[in-house]
Amino acid sequence: MIKKLTMMAAAAAVFAAGCGKPSDGDGATEGGGAKPKHKIAYVTNGIDPFWDLCAAGVKQAENELGGVECEIHFPPKGLADQKSILETLLTKGIKGIAVSPIDADGQTKFLNEVASETVLITHDADAPKSNRQVYVGTDNYKAGRALGQLVKEAIPDGGEVMIFVGRLEQLNARQRRQGVIDELLDRPHQVLGQVKFDEVAKVFKGDKYTVLDTRTDNFVMDTAKSNAEDAITKHKDLACMVGLFAYNPPRCLAAIREAGKLGQIKVCGFDEDDDLLQAIKDGHAQGTISQQPWKYGYNSVKVLKAILDGDTSVIPANKFIDVGFKVVTSKNIEAFWSEKRKMAALGAKKD
């Protein structure tokens, strides 16, 4: 049993946004005797516009599916805050939780404790060794290879490449990185769940492409930009910057712009930050891989509701619900950006 926090500690640790009406307890009913709504919590691994898009999907599912009352929580300072949030949710009697683990291996024991008290699923990033019931996300290794293909399109004659990411403790980050490296070195495809990861502090040299390094920033925005600046200074022949988290490509673009090398150093990335989308439209970035994050939120609520309703048929044999990804380039930027704006507006809407 997880040790419960005091109300004061919980209030200090949790930064949350709620969806729907305030909870009246497990016995609350809607409109004179109707079934009580399932209480569901959606927990991210930080604060970022990416998660606002996920929140839009949560709200969309809550409105369309009915029968659920959702909370959305954004840990402001990483692992410790996420743990406090999960502990607090259990004290409140939340029946279902979707969480994006920050450190899959390090959190497994704790996640198992959470899973013993509520219906637990993972989204965005998985913890496959835990007792979570299902993972809602993307095949990040496959998506990483698609990102590697974008790099090949950006610099078809080959060249030096640098990878930038927030942290590599997250399984999805390691999978993306490995996908990029394997694609650029023309290695055979690996199977998700059996991916073997290359060491970090190593240069990978193929026939045409050289991956110089992988720089982490631990979600510190100034560090993300300074990493890019340092790479430009140290590597005069740097041909392409690859950003694995939403905020990385915009910081790379800012560093490139200030160095007067816009267009000379190509940029490829993940997610759908507006600065990156504008750069794709303007021809300053090759493209991005979008996980369509609103699908994470929507499908997490849909799956939790089904399980709580007693329908476990929604859990596939491999315990992985793949929402897919979209490759965004100048060819489809307008249609994609229009969809993103629609979901961003829903995510920003106050209840």
Protein backbone atom coordinates (compact mmCIF):
# COMPACT_ATOMS: atom_id res chain seq x y z
CA MET A 1 0.00 0.00 0.00
CA ILE A 2 1.33 3.39 -0.93
CA LYS A 3 1.86 5.81 1.92
CA LYS A 4 -0.76 8.57 1.70
CA LEU A 5 0.22 12.23 1.66
CA THR A 6 -1.24 14.82 3.96
CA MET A 7 -3.61 17.31 2.36
CA MET A 8 -1.08 20.11 2.79
CA ALA A 9 1.69 18.18 1.05
CA ALA A 10 -0.68 17.17 -1.73
CA ALA A 11 -1.71 20.75 -2.32
CA ALA A 12 1.90 21.85 -2.58
CA ALA A 13 2.96 19.05 -4.91
CA VAL A 14 0.15 18.94 -7.44
CA PHE A 15 -0.25 21.28 -10.37
CA ALA A 16 -3.48 20.26 -12.09
CA ALA A 17 -6.17 21.26 -14.52
CA GLY A 18 -9.58 19.64 -14.19
CA CYS A 19 -12.16 18.65 -16.76
CA GLY A 20 -15.85 18.32 -16.08
CA LYS A 21 -17.75 19.03 -12.92
CA PRO A 22 -16.20 18.84 -9.47
CA SER A 23 -16.41 15.36 -7.94
CA ASP A 24 -19.19 14.66 -5.45
CA GLY A 25 -17.73 11.34 -4.36
CA ASP A 26 -18.22 7.80 -5.59
CA GLY A 27 -21.91 7.88 -4.82
CA ALA A 28 -22.59 10.95 -6.94
CA THR A 29 -25.17 10.46 -9.67
CA GLU A 30 -26.17 12.48 -12.67
CA GLY A 31 -29.78 13.60 -13.07
CA GLY A 32 -31.66 11.59 -10.49
CA GLY A 33 -30.31 8.12 -10.05
CA ALA A 34 -28.18 7.68 -13.17
CA LYS A 35 -24.98 5.65 -12.92
CA PRO A 36 -22.11 7.54 -11.26
CA LYS A 37 -19.38 8.70 -13.59
CA HIS A 38 -16.04 6.98 -13.64
CA LYS A 39 -13.33 9.20 -12.15
CA ILE A 40 -10.32 9.20 -14.45
CA ALA A 41 -6.99 11.04 -14.21
CA TYR A 42 -4.64 11.83 -17.07
CA VAL A 43 -1.08 12.49 -15.86
CA THR A 44 1.61 13.92 -18.14
CA ASN A 45 5.39 13.94 -17.59
CA GLY A 46 5.76 17.73 -17.57
CA ILE A 47 4.41 21.06 -18.76
CA ASP A 48 4.51 21.82 -22.48
CA PRO A 49 2.11 22.89 -25.27
CA PHE A 50 2.34 19.27 -26.45
CA TRP A 51 0.43 18.25 -23.36
CA ASP A 52 -2.22 20.89 -23.96
CA LEU A 53 -3.00 19.04 -27.20
CA CYS A 54 -3.26 15.79 -25.27
CA ALA A 55 -5.61 17.57 -22.86
CA ALA A 56 -7.78 18.53 -25.83
CA GLY A 57 -8.22 14.87 -26.61
CA VAL A 58 -9.15 14.14 -22.99
CA LYS A 59 -11.82 16.85 -23.10
CA GLN A 60 -13.09 15.64 -26.46
CA ALA A 61 -13.50 12.09 -25.14
CA GLU A 62 -15.14 13.30 -21.94
CA ASN A 63 -17.70 15.28 -23.94
CA GLU A 64 -18.37 12.63 -26.58
CA LEU A 65 -18.28 9.41 -24.58
CA GLY A 66 -20.07 10.50 -21.40
CA GLY A 67 -19.98 8.56 -18.18
CA VAL A 68 -16.53 9.85 -17.21
CA GLU A 69 -15.22 12.68 -15.05
CA CYS A 70 -11.64 13.59 -15.94
CA GLU A 71 -8.76 15.36 -14.25
CA ILE A 72 -5.58 16.41 -16.05
CA HIS A 73 -2.33 16.82 -14.14
CA PHE A 74 0.96 18.38 -15.30
CA PRO A 75 3.96 17.63 -13.03
CA PRO A 76 5.95 20.90 -13.00
CA LYS A 77 9.26 19.47 -11.78
CA GLY A 78 9.52 15.93 -13.07
CA LEU A 79 9.71 12.62 -11.28
CA ALA A 80 9.11 13.67 -7.67
CA ASP A 81 6.06 15.75 -8.59
CA GLN A 82 4.64 12.98 -10.77
CA LYS A 83 4.97 10.53 -7.87
CA SER A 84 3.24 12.95 -5.49
CA ILE A 85 0.42 13.47 -7.97
CA LEU A 86 -0.15 9.73 -8.36
CA GLU A 87 -0.12 9.21 -4.59
CA THR A 88 -2.66 12.00 -4.13
CA LEU A 89 -4.93 10.58 -6.83
CA LEU A 90 -5.06 7.28 -5.01
CA THR A 91 -6.08 8.98 -1.76
CA LYS A 92 -8.96 10.56 -3.69
CA GLY A 93 -10.18 7.19 -4.91
CA ILE A 94 -9.56 7.78 -8.61
CA LYS A 95 -10.67 4.63 -10.43
CA GLY A 96 -8.50 4.88 -13.53
CA ILE A 97 -5.17 6.57 -14.28
CA ALA A 98 -3.29 7.14 -17.53
CA VAL A 99 0.32 8.18 -16.92
CA SER A 100 3.35 9.00 -19.06
CA PRO A 101 6.25 7.50 -17.06
CA ILE A 102 9.36 9.64 -16.74
CA ASP A 103 11.76 6.81 -15.87
CA ALA A 104 10.30 3.48 -17.00
CA ASP A 105 12.78 1.21 -15.25
CA GLY A 106 13.18 3.31 -12.14
CA GLN A 107 9.42 3.72 -11.66
CA THR A 108 8.37 0.11 -12.25
CA LYS A 109 8.07 -0.86 -8.58
CA PHE A 110 6.08 2.27 -7.75
CA LEU A 111 3.83 1.87 -10.80
CA ASN A 112 3.08 -1.68 -9.73
CA GLU A 113 1.92 -0.32 -6.38
CA VAL A 114 -0.33 2.15 -8.19
CA ALA A 115 -1.67 -0.63 -10.43
CA SER A 116 -2.60 -2.65 -7.36
CA GLU A 117 -5.01 0.10 -6.27
CA THR A 118 -6.47 1.43 -9.52
CA VAL A 119 -6.75 0.67 -13.22
CA LEU A 120 -3.42 1.86 -14.62
CA ILE A 121 -2.46 2.42 -18.24
CA THR A 122 0.47 4.27 -19.80
CA HIS A 123 0.45 6.78 -22.64
CA ASP A 124 3.10 8.58 -24.71
CA ALA A 125 5.92 6.71 -22.96
CA ASP A 126 5.59 3.14 -21.74
CA ALA A 127 6.80 1.15 -18.73
CA PRO A 128 6.55 -2.34 -20.25
CA LYS A 129 7.95 -4.15 -17.19
CA SER A 130 5.21 -2.72 -14.97
CA ASN A 131 1.72 -4.07 -14.34
CA ARG A 132 0.04 -1.40 -16.44
CA GLN A 133 -2.85 -2.88 -18.39
CA VAL A 134 -2.08 -1.34 -21.77
CA TYR A 135 0.10 1.28 -23.46
CA VAL A 136 -1.52 3.95 -25.66
CA GLY A 137 1.09 5.48 -27.89
CA THR A 138 3.24 5.36 -30.97
CA ASP A 139 5.78 2.86 -32.20
CA ASN A 140 8.58 5.27 -31.39
CA TYR A 141 11.27 3.15 -32.99
CA LYS A 142 9.35 3.13 -36.27
CA ALA A 143 8.69 6.86 -35.91
CA GLY A 144 12.41 7.40 -35.29
CA ARG A 145 13.20 5.64 -38.55
CA ALA A 146 10.68 7.87 -40.32
CA LEU A 147 12.54 10.85 -38.84
CA GLY A 148 15.77 9.38 -40.18
CA GLN A 149 14.17 9.29 -43.62
CA LEU A 150 13.39 13.00 -43.29
CA VAL A 151 17.08 13.61 -42.55
CA LYS A 152 17.99 11.70 -45.70
CA GLU A 153 15.62 13.90 -47.69
CA ALA A 154 17.05 17.05 -46.08
CA ILE A 155 20.70 16.15 -46.80
CA PRO A 156 20.58 13.50 -49.56
CA ASP A 157 24.33 13.70 -50.18
CA GLY A 158 25.04 12.81 -46.55
CA GLY A 159 26.80 14.73 -43.82
CA GLU A 160 27.16 15.27 -40.08
CA VAL A 161 24.09 15.00 -37.85
CA MET A 162 23.51 15.93 -34.20
CA ILE A 163 20.62 14.68 -32.04
CA PHE A 164 19.00 16.78 -29.28
CA VAL A 165 16.57 15.49 -26.64
CA GLY A 166 15.31 16.31 -23.16
CA ARG A 167 16.29 13.09 -21.42
CA LEU A 168 17.04 9.50 -22.33
CA GLU A 169 15.54 7.90 -19.22
CA GLN A 170 12.22 7.85 -21.09
CA LEU A 171 11.81 4.73 -23.21
CA ASN A 172 10.22 6.65 -26.08
CA ALA A 173 13.26 8.93 -26.31
CA ARG A 174 15.65 5.99 -26.51
CA GLN A 175 13.48 4.30 -29.13
CA ARG A 176 13.32 7.43 -31.30
CA ARG A 177 17.04 7.98 -31.09
CA GLN A 178 17.77 4.39 -32.02
CA GLY A 179 15.37 4.56 -34.96
CA VAL A 180 17.15 7.64 -36.32
CA ILE A 181 20.60 6.08 -35.95
CA ASP A 182 19.56 2.74 -37.49
CA GLU A 183 17.93 4.49 -40.45
CA LEU A 184 20.92 6.73 -41.16
CA LEU A 185 23.32 3.80 -40.95
CA ASP A 186 21.01 1.62 -43.11
CA ARG A 187 20.77 -1.07 -40.45
CA PRO A 188 18.05 -3.75 -40.43
CA HIS A 189 14.77 -2.84 -38.76
CA GLN A 190 14.37 -3.85 -35.12
CA VAL A 191 11.13 -5.00 -33.49
CA LEU A 192 9.47 -2.79 -30.88
CA GLY A 193 9.95 -4.35 -27.47
CA GLN A 194 13.20 -5.97 -28.54
CA VAL A 195 15.15 -2.88 -29.57
CA LYS A 196 18.83 -2.92 -28.68
CA PHE A 197 20.11 0.54 -27.81
CA ASP A 198 23.47 1.98 -28.78
CA GLU A 199 25.56 3.70 -26.13
CA VAL A 200 25.21 7.47 -25.92
CA ALA A 201 28.78 8.78 -25.81
CA LYS A 202 29.82 7.50 -29.21
CA VAL A 203 30.13 8.71 -32.80
CA PHE A 204 28.25 6.58 -35.33
CA LYS A 205 29.68 6.70 -38.84
CA GLY A 206 27.98 5.17 -41.87
CA ASP A 207 28.68 5.30 -45.57
CA LYS A 208 27.02 8.72 -45.98
CA TYR A 209 25.92 9.94 -42.55
CA THR A 210 27.75 10.53 -39.28
CA VAL A 211 25.85 10.93 -36.01
CA LEU A 212 28.23 13.05 -33.95
CA ASP A 213 26.51 13.07 -30.58
CA THR A 214 23.25 13.10 -28.61
CA ARG A 215 22.84 16.12 -26.32
CA THR A 216 20.37 16.10 -23.41
CA ASP A 217 18.99 19.15 -21.59
CA ASN A 218 16.73 17.72 -18.85
CA PHE A 219 13.89 19.99 -20.02
CA VAL A 220 15.83 23.17 -19.30
CA MET A 221 15.03 25.45 -22.24
CA ASP A 222 18.17 27.58 -21.96
CA THR A 223 20.26 24.42 -21.97
CA ALA A 224 18.41 23.12 -25.02
CA LYS A 225 19.36 26.25 -26.93
CA SER A 226 22.92 26.41 -25.63
CA ASN A 227 23.42 22.78 -26.66
CA ALA A 228 22.48 23.76 -30.20
CA GLU A 229 24.72 26.83 -30.11
CA ASP A 230 27.65 24.78 -28.87
CA ALA A 231 27.15 22.21 -31.63
CA ILE A 232 27.22 24.92 -34.30
CA THR A 233 30.41 26.38 -32.85
CA LYS A 234 32.25 23.07 -32.48
CA HIS A 235 31.19 21.38 -35.71
CA LYS A 236 31.72 23.64 -38.71
CA ASP A 237 30.44 20.98 -41.12
CA LEU A 238 27.27 20.19 -39.18
CA ALA A 239 24.58 19.53 -41.80
CA CYS A 240 21.44 18.63 -39.84
CA MET A 241 20.02 19.00 -36.34
CA VAL A 242 17.47 16.45 -35.15
CA GLY A 243 15.18 17.32 -32.22
CA LEU A 244 13.40 14.44 -30.49
CA PHE A 245 11.15 16.42 -28.13
CA ALA A 246 8.70 19.17 -29.07
CA TYR A 247 10.80 22.09 -27.83
CA ASN A 248 14.13 20.90 -29.28
CA PRO A 249 13.64 21.85 -32.97
CA PRO A 250 12.57 25.45 -32.17
CA ARG A 251 15.67 25.93 -29.99
CA CYS A 252 17.82 24.52 -32.78
CA LEU A 253 16.20 26.89 -35.26
CA ALA A 254 16.79 29.87 -32.96
CA ALA A 255 20.48 28.97 -32.61
CA ILE A 256 20.84 28.48 -36.37
CA ARG A 257 19.13 31.79 -37.09
CA GLU A 258 21.38 33.69 -34.67
CA ALA A 259 24.45 32.04 -36.21
CA GLY A 260 23.38 33.24 -39.66
CA LYS A 261 23.11 29.69 -40.97
CA LEU A 262 19.38 29.45 -41.61
CA GLY A 263 18.95 27.09 -44.54
CA GLN A 264 22.56 25.89 -44.35
CA ILE A 265 21.94 23.61 -41.38
CA LYS A 266 18.78 21.58 -41.90
CA VAL A 267 16.32 20.79 -39.11
CA CYS A 268 14.11 17.73 -38.65
CA GLY A 269 12.07 17.03 -35.57
CA PHE A 270 9.27 15.51 -33.56
CA ASP A 271 5.91 16.99 -32.63
CA GLU A 272 4.17 20.12 -33.77
CA ASP A 273 5.51 23.29 -32.16
CA ASP A 274 4.26 26.31 -34.13
CA ASP A 275 7.78 27.64 -34.69
CA LEU A 276 8.76 24.35 -36.30
CA LEU A 277 5.62 24.26 -38.43
CA GLN A 278 6.32 27.82 -39.62
CA ALA A 279 9.90 26.82 -40.45
CA ILE A 280 8.60 23.89 -42.51
CA LYS A 281 6.24 26.24 -44.33
CA ASP A 282 9.06 28.74 -44.95
CA GLY A 283 11.45 26.05 -46.15
CA HIS A 284 13.85 26.34 -43.19
CA ALA A 285 13.03 22.87 -41.80
CA GLN A 286 12.51 19.64 -43.68
CA GLY A 287 9.67 18.18 -41.64
CA THR A 288 8.44 16.69 -38.40
CA ILE A 289 6.91 13.50 -37.05
CA SER A 290 3.64 14.23 -35.28
CA GLN A 291 2.18 11.76 -32.83
CA GLN A 292 -1.14 13.63 -33.14
CA PRO A 293 -1.14 13.98 -29.32
CA TRP A 294 -4.86 14.64 -29.05
CA LYS A 295 -5.25 10.95 -29.94
CA TYR A 296 -3.27 10.05 -26.82
CA GLY A 297 -5.74 11.86 -24.61
CA TYR A 298 -8.84 10.66 -26.44
CA ASN A 299 -7.85 7.00 -26.60
CA SER A 300 -6.60 6.93 -23.00
CA VAL A 301 -10.01 8.03 -21.73
CA LYS A 302 -11.81 5.70 -24.13
CA VAL A 303 -9.79 2.68 -23.02
CA LEU A 304 -10.04 3.46 -19.30
CA LYS A 305 -13.81 3.91 -19.58
CA ALA A 306 -14.17 0.60 -21.39
CA ILE A 307 -12.10 -1.27 -18.79
CA LEU A 308 -14.03 0.33 -15.93
CA ASP A 309 -17.25 -0.66 -17.69
CA GLY A 310 -16.01 -4.24 -17.63
CA ASP A 311 -14.96 -4.47 -21.27
CA THR A 312 -11.39 -5.75 -21.39
CA SER A 313 -11.65 -6.65 -25.08
CA VAL A 314 -10.14 -3.21 -25.79
CA ILE A 315 -6.78 -4.52 -24.58
CA PRO A 316 -4.94 -6.19 -27.49
CA ALA A 317 -2.80 -9.27 -26.95
CA ASN A 318 0.43 -7.25 -27.15
CA LYS A 319 -0.99 -4.62 -24.75
CA PHE A 320 -0.13 -1.83 -27.19
CA ILE A 321 -2.67 0.49 -28.81
CA ASP A 322 -0.81 2.20 -31.64
CA VAL A 323 -2.31 5.59 -32.54
CA GLY A 324 0.20 5.94 -35.37
CA PHE A 325 2.05 9.05 -36.46
CA LYS A 326 1.98 11.54 -39.31
CA VAL A 327 4.93 12.74 -41.36
CA VAL A 328 4.49 16.49 -41.85
CA THR A 329 6.33 18.28 -44.66
CA SER A 330 5.68 21.26 -46.92
CA LYS A 331 3.31 19.04 -48.91
CA ASN A 332 0.72 18.70 -46.13
CA ILE A 333 1.62 21.47 -43.70
CA GLU A 334 -1.51 23.57 -44.23
CA ALA A 335 -4.01 20.76 -43.63
CA PHE A 336 -2.10 19.50 -40.61
CA TRP A 337 -1.70 22.94 -39.04
CA SER A 338 -5.42 23.58 -39.44
CA GLU A 339 -6.21 20.39 -37.53
CA LYS A 340 -3.69 21.26 -34.83
CA ARG A 341 -5.19 24.75 -34.35
CA LYS A 342 -8.64 23.22 -33.90
CA MET A 343 -7.41 20.86 -31.19
CA ALA A 344 -5.29 23.57 -29.52
CA ALA A 345 -8.39 25.74 -29.19
CA LEU A 346 -10.28 22.88 -27.56
CA GLY A 347 -7.38 22.23 -25.18
CA ALA A 348 -7.29 25.88 -24.15
CA LYS A 349 -11.04 26.10 -23.60
CA LYS A 350 -12.04 26.48 -19.95
CA ASP A 351 -14.88 24.39 -18.58
